Amino acid sequence: VSPAAGLSASTNRPLEFGVAFDGSSKKAPVMPCGLTRMRQPASIEDAGVTMLALHARTRQQGFTGLANWDLIAEAKSAVTIPVVGNGDVKSAEDVARMAEHTGCDAVMIGRAAIGNPWLFDEVKTRLAGGEFIQPTPRERVSVLIAHVAEAAGLDGEPGGVIASRKVMGAYLKRMP
């Protein structure tokens, strides 16, 4: 059965999409900011959705295993709206591979950017054919300190610093 019929070629089960509406579409037949599951990809467009972001990992996988980029490709072939792919994107090479593999209109980077805000410049530079120069350890620590200071400014000193501990390790683990 073809993906256009709403069945996954890899699992032969109905494709299901989580769709978040921001309330800006008057066509959206669900409560704004609600989450709904639609079995037929075409029904997403019929509901007024103008873009689909798909993280190709199951709930059971959580943050483990590999994202199934084939599902993104199936969704892209089943709809005419822009599709944004996400999952296992950690480098410029991953962005290019996902775009090639899935045909998606855009690639979203998630957890790989935690503690690595330079990743977006790296992707932009490398996809344009340039050479990206990694930040020095001093630059990494400087940005980390600015990150903690910003968090402390937003959440107060104890709260902001405590919340920043989650990302400190991500900044430091990439140090040479």
N, C-alpha and C. Protein backbone atom coordinates (compact mmCIF):
# COMPACT_ATOMS: atom_id res chain seq x y z
N VAL A 1 0.86 -1.18 0.00
CA VAL A 1 0.00 0.00 0.00
C VAL A 1 0.89 1.23 0.00
N SER A 2 0.52 2.23 -0.73
CA SER A 2 1.37 3.41 -0.86
C SER A 2 1.25 4.32 0.35
N PRO A 3 2.32 5.08 0.62
CA PRO A 3 2.26 6.05 1.72
C PRO A 3 1.13 7.05 1.52
N ALA A 4 0.81 7.38 0.27
CA ALA A 4 -0.25 8.33 0.01
C ALA A 4 -1.59 7.82 0.53
N ALA A 5 -1.72 6.50 0.65
CA ALA A 5 -2.95 5.93 1.18
C ALA A 5 -2.98 5.99 2.70
N GLY A 6 -1.90 6.49 3.30
CA GLY A 6 -1.88 6.66 4.75
C GLY A 6 -1.29 5.49 5.50
N LEU A 7 -0.64 4.55 4.79
CA LEU A 7 -0.01 3.43 5.47
C LEU A 7 1.49 3.55 5.37
N SER A 8 2.17 3.23 6.43
CA SER A 8 3.62 3.24 6.44
C SER A 8 4.13 2.04 5.65
N ALA A 9 5.00 2.31 4.68
CA ALA A 9 5.57 1.21 3.90
C ALA A 9 6.48 0.35 4.76
N SER A 10 7.06 0.94 5.81
CA SER A 10 7.99 0.17 6.63
C SER A 10 7.30 -0.68 7.68
N THR A 11 6.09 -0.30 8.10
CA THR A 11 5.39 -1.06 9.14
C THR A 11 4.03 -1.57 8.70
N ASN A 12 3.54 -1.08 7.54
CA ASN A 12 2.22 -1.43 7.02
C ASN A 12 1.10 -1.09 8.00
N ARG A 13 1.34 -0.09 8.83
CA ARG A 13 0.32 0.39 9.77
C ARG A 13 0.00 1.84 9.42
N PRO A 14 -1.14 2.35 9.86
CA PRO A 14 -1.47 3.75 9.55
C PRO A 14 -0.41 4.70 10.08
N LEU A 15 -0.07 5.69 9.26
CA LEU A 15 0.81 6.75 9.71
C LEU A 15 0.04 7.60 10.71
N GLU A 16 0.67 7.98 11.79
CA GLU A 16 0.04 8.86 12.75
C GLU A 16 0.95 10.05 12.97
N PHE A 17 0.38 11.21 12.99
CA PHE A 17 1.14 12.42 13.16
C PHE A 17 0.62 13.18 14.36
N GLY A 18 1.52 13.69 15.18
CA GLY A 18 1.13 14.61 16.24
C GLY A 18 1.15 16.00 15.65
N VAL A 19 0.11 16.74 15.80
CA VAL A 19 0.02 18.05 15.19
C VAL A 19 -0.32 19.08 16.26
N ALA A 20 0.49 20.11 16.37
CA ALA A 20 0.21 21.18 17.32
C ALA A 20 -0.29 22.39 16.54
N PHE A 21 -1.39 22.93 16.92
CA PHE A 21 -1.94 24.10 16.28
C PHE A 21 -1.64 25.32 17.14
N ASP A 22 -1.25 26.41 16.50
CA ASP A 22 -0.94 27.61 17.28
C ASP A 22 -2.12 28.57 17.37
N GLY A 23 -3.23 28.20 16.79
CA GLY A 23 -4.42 29.03 16.87
C GLY A 23 -4.53 30.06 15.77
N SER A 24 -3.50 30.18 14.91
CA SER A 24 -3.54 31.20 13.88
C SER A 24 -4.38 30.77 12.68
N SER A 25 -4.61 29.48 12.50
CA SER A 25 -5.40 29.01 11.37
C SER A 25 -6.86 28.91 11.76
N LYS A 26 -7.70 29.63 11.04
CA LYS A 26 -9.13 29.55 11.33
C LYS A 26 -9.72 28.23 10.85
N LYS A 27 -8.98 27.50 10.01
CA LYS A 27 -9.45 26.22 9.50
C LYS A 27 -9.25 25.10 10.50
N ALA A 28 -8.35 25.29 11.46
CA ALA A 28 -8.00 24.22 12.39
C ALA A 28 -9.22 23.81 13.20
N PRO A 29 -9.67 22.53 13.07
CA PRO A 29 -10.88 22.10 13.75
C PRO A 29 -10.65 21.61 15.16
N VAL A 30 -9.49 21.90 15.73
CA VAL A 30 -9.21 21.47 17.10
C VAL A 30 -8.83 22.68 17.92
N MET A 31 -8.83 22.51 19.22
CA MET A 31 -8.50 23.61 20.12
C MET A 31 -7.06 24.07 19.89
N PRO A 32 -6.81 25.38 19.83
CA PRO A 32 -5.45 25.88 19.68
C PRO A 32 -4.52 25.28 20.74
N CYS A 33 -3.30 25.00 20.32
CA CYS A 33 -2.28 24.40 21.17
C CYS A 33 -2.64 22.98 21.58
N GLY A 34 -3.71 22.43 21.02
CA GLY A 34 -4.07 21.05 21.32
C GLY A 34 -3.19 20.11 20.54
N LEU A 35 -3.23 18.88 20.91
CA LEU A 35 -2.48 17.86 20.20
C LEU A 35 -3.48 16.84 19.69
N THR A 36 -3.35 16.51 18.43
CA THR A 36 -4.28 15.54 17.86
C THR A 36 -3.51 14.53 17.03
N ARG A 37 -4.08 13.39 16.80
CA ARG A 37 -3.47 12.38 15.95
C ARG A 37 -4.38 12.19 14.76
N MET A 38 -3.80 12.23 13.60
CA MET A 38 -4.56 12.04 12.38
C MET A 38 -3.98 10.85 11.64
N ARG A 39 -4.83 9.95 11.21
CA ARG A 39 -4.35 8.73 10.56
C ARG A 39 -4.05 8.93 9.09
N GLN A 40 -4.71 9.81 8.42
CA GLN A 40 -4.48 10.03 7.00
C GLN A 40 -3.68 11.32 6.82
N PRO A 41 -2.49 11.25 6.23
CA PRO A 41 -1.70 12.46 6.04
C PRO A 41 -2.46 13.56 5.32
N ALA A 42 -3.28 13.19 4.32
CA ALA A 42 -4.02 14.21 3.58
C ALA A 42 -4.99 14.94 4.49
N SER A 43 -5.50 14.29 5.52
CA SER A 43 -6.45 14.96 6.42
C SER A 43 -5.78 16.07 7.20
N ILE A 44 -4.48 16.02 7.33
CA ILE A 44 -3.75 17.10 8.00
C ILE A 44 -3.91 18.38 7.19
N GLU A 45 -3.72 18.27 5.90
CA GLU A 45 -3.89 19.44 5.04
C GLU A 45 -5.35 19.90 5.03
N ASP A 46 -6.27 18.95 4.97
CA ASP A 46 -7.70 19.29 4.98
C ASP A 46 -8.08 20.05 6.24
N ALA A 47 -7.37 19.78 7.34
CA ALA A 47 -7.66 20.45 8.61
C ALA A 47 -7.09 21.86 8.67
N GLY A 48 -6.30 22.24 7.67
CA GLY A 48 -5.76 23.58 7.62
C GLY A 48 -4.31 23.70 8.07
N VAL A 49 -3.67 22.57 8.35
CA VAL A 49 -2.27 22.61 8.75
C VAL A 49 -1.44 23.06 7.55
N THR A 50 -0.53 23.99 7.77
CA THR A 50 0.27 24.53 6.66
C THR A 50 1.72 24.09 6.71
N MET A 51 2.12 23.38 7.75
CA MET A 51 3.47 22.85 7.85
C MET A 51 3.45 21.70 8.84
N LEU A 52 4.28 20.70 8.58
CA LEU A 52 4.35 19.53 9.46
C LEU A 52 5.79 19.32 9.89
N ALA A 53 6.03 19.29 11.19
CA ALA A 53 7.35 18.95 11.73
C ALA A 53 7.25 17.55 12.30
N LEU A 54 8.14 16.68 11.86
CA LEU A 54 8.05 15.28 12.24
C LEU A 54 9.36 14.80 12.85
N HIS A 55 9.28 14.36 14.10
CA HIS A 55 10.41 13.75 14.78
C HIS A 55 10.22 12.24 14.65
N ALA A 56 11.05 11.61 13.90
CA ALA A 56 10.84 10.22 13.50
C ALA A 56 11.39 9.23 14.53
N ARG A 57 10.92 9.38 15.73
CA ARG A 57 11.29 8.47 16.81
C ARG A 57 10.02 8.16 17.59
N THR A 58 9.85 6.93 18.01
CA THR A 58 8.63 6.55 18.71
C THR A 58 8.69 6.97 20.17
N ARG A 59 7.53 7.02 20.79
CA ARG A 59 7.46 7.33 22.22
C ARG A 59 8.24 6.29 23.02
N GLN A 60 8.14 5.02 22.60
CA GLN A 60 8.84 3.96 23.32
C GLN A 60 10.36 4.13 23.23
N GLN A 61 10.85 4.67 22.13
CA GLN A 61 12.29 4.89 21.99
C GLN A 61 12.79 5.98 22.93
N GLY A 62 11.95 6.97 23.17
CA GLY A 62 12.42 8.10 23.96
C GLY A 62 13.62 8.73 23.27
N PHE A 63 14.73 8.85 23.99
CA PHE A 63 15.94 9.43 23.42
C PHE A 63 16.94 8.36 23.02
N THR A 64 16.49 7.11 22.86
CA THR A 64 17.39 6.03 22.49
C THR A 64 17.09 5.56 21.08
N GLY A 65 17.96 4.72 20.56
CA GLY A 65 17.74 4.18 19.22
C GLY A 65 17.92 5.23 18.14
N LEU A 66 17.62 4.83 16.92
CA LEU A 66 17.79 5.72 15.78
C LEU A 66 16.44 6.22 15.28
N ALA A 67 16.42 7.47 14.86
CA ALA A 67 15.22 8.02 14.25
C ALA A 67 15.01 7.33 12.91
N ASN A 68 13.76 7.09 12.56
CA ASN A 68 13.44 6.43 11.30
C ASN A 68 13.14 7.49 10.24
N TRP A 69 14.16 7.87 9.50
CA TRP A 69 14.02 8.92 8.51
C TRP A 69 13.09 8.49 7.38
N ASP A 70 12.89 7.20 7.20
CA ASP A 70 11.96 6.73 6.16
C ASP A 70 10.55 7.26 6.42
N LEU A 71 10.18 7.40 7.69
CA LEU A 71 8.85 7.94 8.02
C LEU A 71 8.71 9.39 7.58
N ILE A 72 9.79 10.15 7.68
CA ILE A 72 9.77 11.54 7.22
C ILE A 72 9.59 11.56 5.70
N ALA A 73 10.31 10.67 5.01
CA ALA A 73 10.18 10.58 3.55
C ALA A 73 8.76 10.19 3.15
N GLU A 74 8.16 9.25 3.88
CA GLU A 74 6.78 8.84 3.60
C GLU A 74 5.81 9.99 3.79
N ALA A 75 6.00 10.73 4.88
CA ALA A 75 5.13 11.89 5.13
C ALA A 75 5.29 12.92 4.03
N LYS A 76 6.52 13.19 3.63
CA LYS A 76 6.78 14.18 2.58
C LYS A 76 6.10 13.78 1.28
N SER A 77 6.13 12.48 0.95
CA SER A 77 5.51 12.05 -0.31
C SER A 77 3.99 12.04 -0.22
N ALA A 78 3.44 12.09 0.99
CA ALA A 78 1.99 11.99 1.16
C ALA A 78 1.29 13.34 1.25
N VAL A 79 2.05 14.42 1.43
CA VAL A 79 1.44 15.74 1.60
C VAL A 79 2.09 16.74 0.65
N THR A 80 1.42 17.87 0.47
CA THR A 80 1.98 18.94 -0.36
C THR A 80 2.50 20.10 0.48
N ILE A 81 2.18 20.12 1.77
CA ILE A 81 2.65 21.17 2.66
C ILE A 81 4.12 20.93 3.00
N PRO A 82 4.83 21.95 3.43
CA PRO A 82 6.22 21.76 3.82
C PRO A 82 6.35 20.78 5.00
N VAL A 83 7.36 19.93 4.92
CA VAL A 83 7.65 18.97 5.99
C VAL A 83 9.03 19.28 6.55
N VAL A 84 9.10 19.38 7.88
CA VAL A 84 10.35 19.62 8.58
C VAL A 84 10.75 18.31 9.25
N GLY A 85 11.96 17.83 8.95
CA GLY A 85 12.44 16.59 9.54
C GLY A 85 13.29 16.85 10.77
N ASN A 86 13.22 15.92 11.73
CA ASN A 86 13.98 16.06 12.96
C ASN A 86 14.30 14.67 13.49
N GLY A 87 15.45 14.53 14.12
CA GLY A 87 15.85 13.27 14.73
C GLY A 87 17.22 12.83 14.26
N ASP A 88 18.14 12.67 15.19
CA ASP A 88 19.51 12.24 14.89
C ASP A 88 20.24 13.20 13.96
N VAL A 89 20.04 14.50 14.16
CA VAL A 89 20.73 15.52 13.37
C VAL A 89 21.73 16.20 14.29
N LYS A 90 23.01 15.89 14.07
CA LYS A 90 24.06 16.38 14.97
C LYS A 90 25.16 17.16 14.26
N SER A 91 25.06 17.27 12.93
CA SER A 91 26.13 17.91 12.17
C SER A 91 25.61 18.40 10.83
N ALA A 92 26.45 19.17 10.14
CA ALA A 92 26.10 19.62 8.79
C ALA A 92 25.91 18.43 7.87
N GLU A 93 26.72 17.41 8.06
CA GLU A 93 26.60 16.21 7.24
C GLU A 93 25.25 15.53 7.46
N ASP A 94 24.79 15.50 8.72
CA ASP A 94 23.48 14.91 9.02
C ASP A 94 22.36 15.72 8.36
N VAL A 95 22.47 17.04 8.38
CA VAL A 95 21.47 17.89 7.74
C VAL A 95 21.38 17.54 6.25
N ALA A 96 22.53 17.46 5.59
CA ALA A 96 22.55 17.15 4.16
C ALA A 96 22.01 15.74 3.89
N ARG A 97 22.40 14.77 4.73
CA ARG A 97 21.93 13.39 4.54
C ARG A 97 20.42 13.30 4.73
N MET A 98 19.88 13.97 5.77
CA MET A 98 18.44 13.90 5.99
C MET A 98 17.68 14.53 4.83
N ALA A 99 18.13 15.69 4.38
CA ALA A 99 17.46 16.36 3.26
C ALA A 99 17.49 15.47 2.02
N GLU A 100 18.61 14.85 1.76
CA GLU A 100 18.75 13.96 0.60
C GLU A 100 17.86 12.73 0.76
N HIS A 101 17.89 12.11 1.92
CA HIS A 101 17.17 10.86 2.17
C HIS A 101 15.65 11.05 2.18
N THR A 102 15.19 12.15 2.76
CA THR A 102 13.75 12.32 2.98
C THR A 102 13.07 13.25 1.99
N GLY A 103 13.82 14.15 1.38
CA GLY A 103 13.21 15.16 0.53
C GLY A 103 12.50 16.24 1.32
N CYS A 104 12.73 16.28 2.64
CA CYS A 104 12.03 17.26 3.48
C CYS A 104 12.42 18.68 3.09
N ASP A 105 11.56 19.60 3.45
CA ASP A 105 11.75 21.00 3.08
C ASP A 105 12.70 21.74 4.00
N ALA A 106 12.83 21.27 5.22
CA ALA A 106 13.72 21.88 6.20
C ALA A 106 14.11 20.81 7.21
N VAL A 107 15.22 21.05 7.88
CA VAL A 107 15.72 20.14 8.90
C VAL A 107 15.81 20.90 10.21
N MET A 108 15.29 20.28 11.27
CA MET A 108 15.32 20.90 12.60
C MET A 108 16.38 20.20 13.45
N ILE A 109 17.18 21.00 14.12
CA ILE A 109 18.19 20.46 15.02
C ILE A 109 17.67 20.62 16.43
N GLY A 110 17.77 19.56 17.22
CA GLY A 110 17.26 19.59 18.58
C GLY A 110 18.35 19.49 19.62
N ARG A 111 18.41 18.36 20.31
CA ARG A 111 19.31 18.18 21.46
C ARG A 111 20.78 18.39 21.12
N ALA A 112 21.17 18.19 19.88
CA ALA A 112 22.59 18.36 19.53
C ALA A 112 23.06 19.80 19.71
N ALA A 113 22.12 20.73 19.77
CA ALA A 113 22.49 22.14 19.95
C ALA A 113 22.67 22.52 21.42
N ILE A 114 22.26 21.65 22.33
CA ILE A 114 22.42 21.96 23.75
C ILE A 114 23.92 21.99 24.08
N GLY A 115 24.37 23.11 24.55
CA GLY A 115 25.78 23.28 24.87
C GLY A 115 26.65 23.47 23.64
N ASN A 116 26.04 23.57 22.49
CA ASN A 116 26.77 23.73 21.24
C ASN A 116 26.04 24.72 20.33
N PRO A 117 25.89 25.97 20.77
CA PRO A 117 25.16 26.94 19.95
C PRO A 117 25.86 27.26 18.63
N TRP A 118 27.11 26.86 18.49
CA TRP A 118 27.87 27.08 17.26
C TRP A 118 27.42 26.13 16.15
N LEU A 119 26.67 25.12 16.50
CA LEU A 119 26.26 24.11 15.51
C LEU A 119 25.53 24.75 14.34
N PHE A 120 24.70 25.74 14.58
CA PHE A 120 23.94 26.36 13.51
C PHE A 120 24.85 27.10 12.53
N ASP A 121 25.86 27.82 13.05
CA ASP A 121 26.84 28.47 12.18
C ASP A 121 27.64 27.44 11.41
N GLU A 122 27.99 26.33 12.08
CA GLU A 122 28.74 25.27 11.42
C GLU A 122 27.94 24.70 10.24
N VAL A 123 26.67 24.43 10.48
CA VAL A 123 25.82 23.89 9.41
C VAL A 123 25.74 24.88 8.25
N LYS A 124 25.45 26.12 8.56
CA LYS A 124 25.32 27.14 7.52
C LYS A 124 26.62 27.28 6.72
N THR A 125 27.74 27.33 7.42
CA THR A 125 29.03 27.49 6.77
C THR A 125 29.39 26.29 5.90
N ARG A 126 29.24 25.10 6.44
CA ARG A 126 29.63 23.89 5.69
C ARG A 126 28.70 23.62 4.51
N LEU A 127 27.40 23.88 4.68
CA LEU A 127 26.49 23.66 3.55
C LEU A 127 26.73 24.66 2.43
N ALA A 128 27.30 25.81 2.79
CA ALA A 128 27.66 26.80 1.78
C ALA A 128 29.04 26.52 1.18
N GLY A 129 29.67 25.43 1.62
CA GLY A 129 30.97 25.05 1.07
C GLY A 129 32.15 25.63 1.79
N GLY A 130 31.91 26.31 2.89
CA GLY A 130 33.00 26.92 3.64
C GLY A 130 33.59 25.99 4.69
N GLU A 131 34.65 26.47 5.29
CA GLU A 131 35.30 25.70 6.36
C GLU A 131 34.95 26.37 7.69
N PHE A 132 34.38 25.59 8.59
CA PHE A 132 34.01 26.11 9.89
C PHE A 132 35.16 25.92 10.86
N ILE A 133 35.48 26.96 11.60
CA ILE A 133 36.53 26.88 12.61
C ILE A 133 35.85 26.75 13.97
N GLN A 134 36.13 25.66 14.65
CA GLN A 134 35.53 25.40 15.96
C GLN A 134 35.96 26.48 16.96
N PRO A 135 35.08 26.82 17.89
CA PRO A 135 35.46 27.80 18.90
C PRO A 135 36.57 27.25 19.80
N THR A 136 37.36 28.15 20.30
CA THR A 136 38.44 27.75 21.20
C THR A 136 37.85 27.40 22.56
N PRO A 137 38.60 26.69 23.39
CA PRO A 137 38.11 26.43 24.75
C PRO A 137 37.74 27.72 25.50
N ARG A 138 38.54 28.77 25.33
CA ARG A 138 38.26 30.05 25.98
C ARG A 138 36.92 30.61 25.50
N GLU A 139 36.65 30.52 24.19
CA GLU A 139 35.37 31.01 23.66
C GLU A 139 34.21 30.18 24.20
N ARG A 140 34.39 28.87 24.30
CA ARG A 140 33.34 28.00 24.83
C ARG A 140 33.00 28.37 26.28
N VAL A 141 34.03 28.56 27.09
CA VAL A 141 33.81 28.90 28.50
C VAL A 141 33.17 30.28 28.60
N SER A 142 33.58 31.21 27.77
CA SER A 142 33.00 32.56 27.78
C SER A 142 31.50 32.51 27.47
N VAL A 143 31.11 31.72 26.47
CA VAL A 143 29.70 31.61 26.13
C VAL A 143 28.94 30.87 27.23
N LEU A 144 29.55 29.87 27.83
CA LEU A 144 28.92 29.16 28.94
C LEU A 144 28.65 30.13 30.10
N ILE A 145 29.62 30.94 30.43
CA ILE A 145 29.44 31.92 31.53
C ILE A 145 28.32 32.90 31.18
N ALA A 146 28.28 33.34 29.93
CA ALA A 146 27.21 34.25 29.50
C ALA A 146 25.84 33.55 29.58
N HIS A 147 25.81 32.28 29.25
CA HIS A 147 24.57 31.49 29.32
C HIS A 147 24.08 31.42 30.76
N VAL A 148 24.99 31.12 31.68
CA VAL A 148 24.63 31.03 33.09
C VAL A 148 24.18 32.40 33.61
N ALA A 149 24.88 33.47 33.22
CA ALA A 149 24.52 34.82 33.66
C ALA A 149 23.13 35.19 33.14
N GLU A 150 22.83 34.84 31.90
CA GLU A 150 21.51 35.13 31.33
C GLU A 150 20.42 34.36 32.08
N ALA A 151 20.68 33.08 32.36
CA ALA A 151 19.71 32.27 33.10
C ALA A 151 19.50 32.84 34.50
N ALA A 152 20.58 33.28 35.14
CA ALA A 152 20.46 33.86 36.49
C ALA A 152 19.68 35.17 36.42
N GLY A 153 19.87 35.93 35.35
CA GLY A 153 19.12 37.17 35.18
C GLY A 153 17.64 36.92 34.98
N LEU A 154 17.30 35.83 34.32
CA LEU A 154 15.89 35.50 34.07
C LEU A 154 15.21 34.85 35.27
N ASP A 155 15.93 33.91 35.91
CA ASP A 155 15.32 33.09 36.97
C ASP A 155 15.83 33.40 38.37
N GLY A 156 16.67 34.41 38.50
CA GLY A 156 17.29 34.68 39.79
C GLY A 156 18.54 33.83 39.93
N GLU A 157 19.43 34.28 40.81
CA GLU A 157 20.72 33.60 40.89
C GLU A 157 20.62 32.12 41.28
N PRO A 158 19.96 31.77 42.34
CA PRO A 158 19.97 30.33 42.65
C PRO A 158 19.27 29.51 41.57
N GLY A 159 18.09 29.94 41.14
CA GLY A 159 17.33 29.17 40.16
C GLY A 159 18.01 29.08 38.82
N GLY A 160 18.54 30.19 38.34
CA GLY A 160 19.20 30.21 37.04
C GLY A 160 20.46 29.38 37.00
N VAL A 161 21.24 29.45 38.07
CA VAL A 161 22.47 28.66 38.14
C VAL A 161 22.14 27.17 38.23
N ILE A 162 21.16 26.84 39.05
CA ILE A 162 20.76 25.43 39.19
C ILE A 162 20.24 24.90 37.85
N ALA A 163 19.42 25.67 37.16
CA ALA A 163 18.90 25.24 35.86
C ALA A 163 20.03 25.10 34.84
N SER A 164 21.05 25.94 34.94
CA SER A 164 22.16 25.91 33.99
C SER A 164 23.04 24.68 34.15
N ARG A 165 22.99 24.06 35.31
CA ARG A 165 23.83 22.87 35.52
C ARG A 165 23.52 21.79 34.49
N LYS A 166 22.29 21.77 34.00
CA LYS A 166 21.90 20.78 33.00
C LYS A 166 22.69 20.93 31.71
N VAL A 167 23.06 22.16 31.37
CA VAL A 167 23.76 22.37 30.10
C VAL A 167 25.27 22.54 30.26
N MET A 168 25.73 22.79 31.47
CA MET A 168 27.17 23.00 31.67
C MET A 168 27.99 21.83 31.15
N GLY A 169 27.56 20.63 31.47
CA GLY A 169 28.27 19.45 31.01
C GLY A 169 28.31 19.35 29.50
N ALA A 170 27.21 19.76 28.85
CA ALA A 170 27.16 19.71 27.38
C ALA A 170 28.17 20.68 26.77
N TYR A 171 28.34 21.83 27.37
CA TYR A 171 29.35 22.78 26.87
C TYR A 171 30.75 22.20 27.05
N LEU A 172 31.00 21.64 28.23
CA LEU A 172 32.36 21.21 28.57
C LEU A 172 32.76 19.90 27.93
N LYS A 173 31.82 19.02 27.62
CA LYS A 173 32.19 17.73 27.05
C LYS A 173 32.76 17.84 25.65
N ARG A 174 32.52 18.96 24.99
CA ARG A 174 33.03 19.17 23.64
C ARG A 174 34.40 19.86 23.64
N MET A 175 34.94 20.07 24.83
CA MET A 175 36.24 20.76 24.93
C MET A 175 37.34 19.80 24.52
N PRO A 176 38.33 20.32 23.78
CA PRO A 176 39.46 19.45 23.38
C PRO A 176 40.34 19.08 24.57
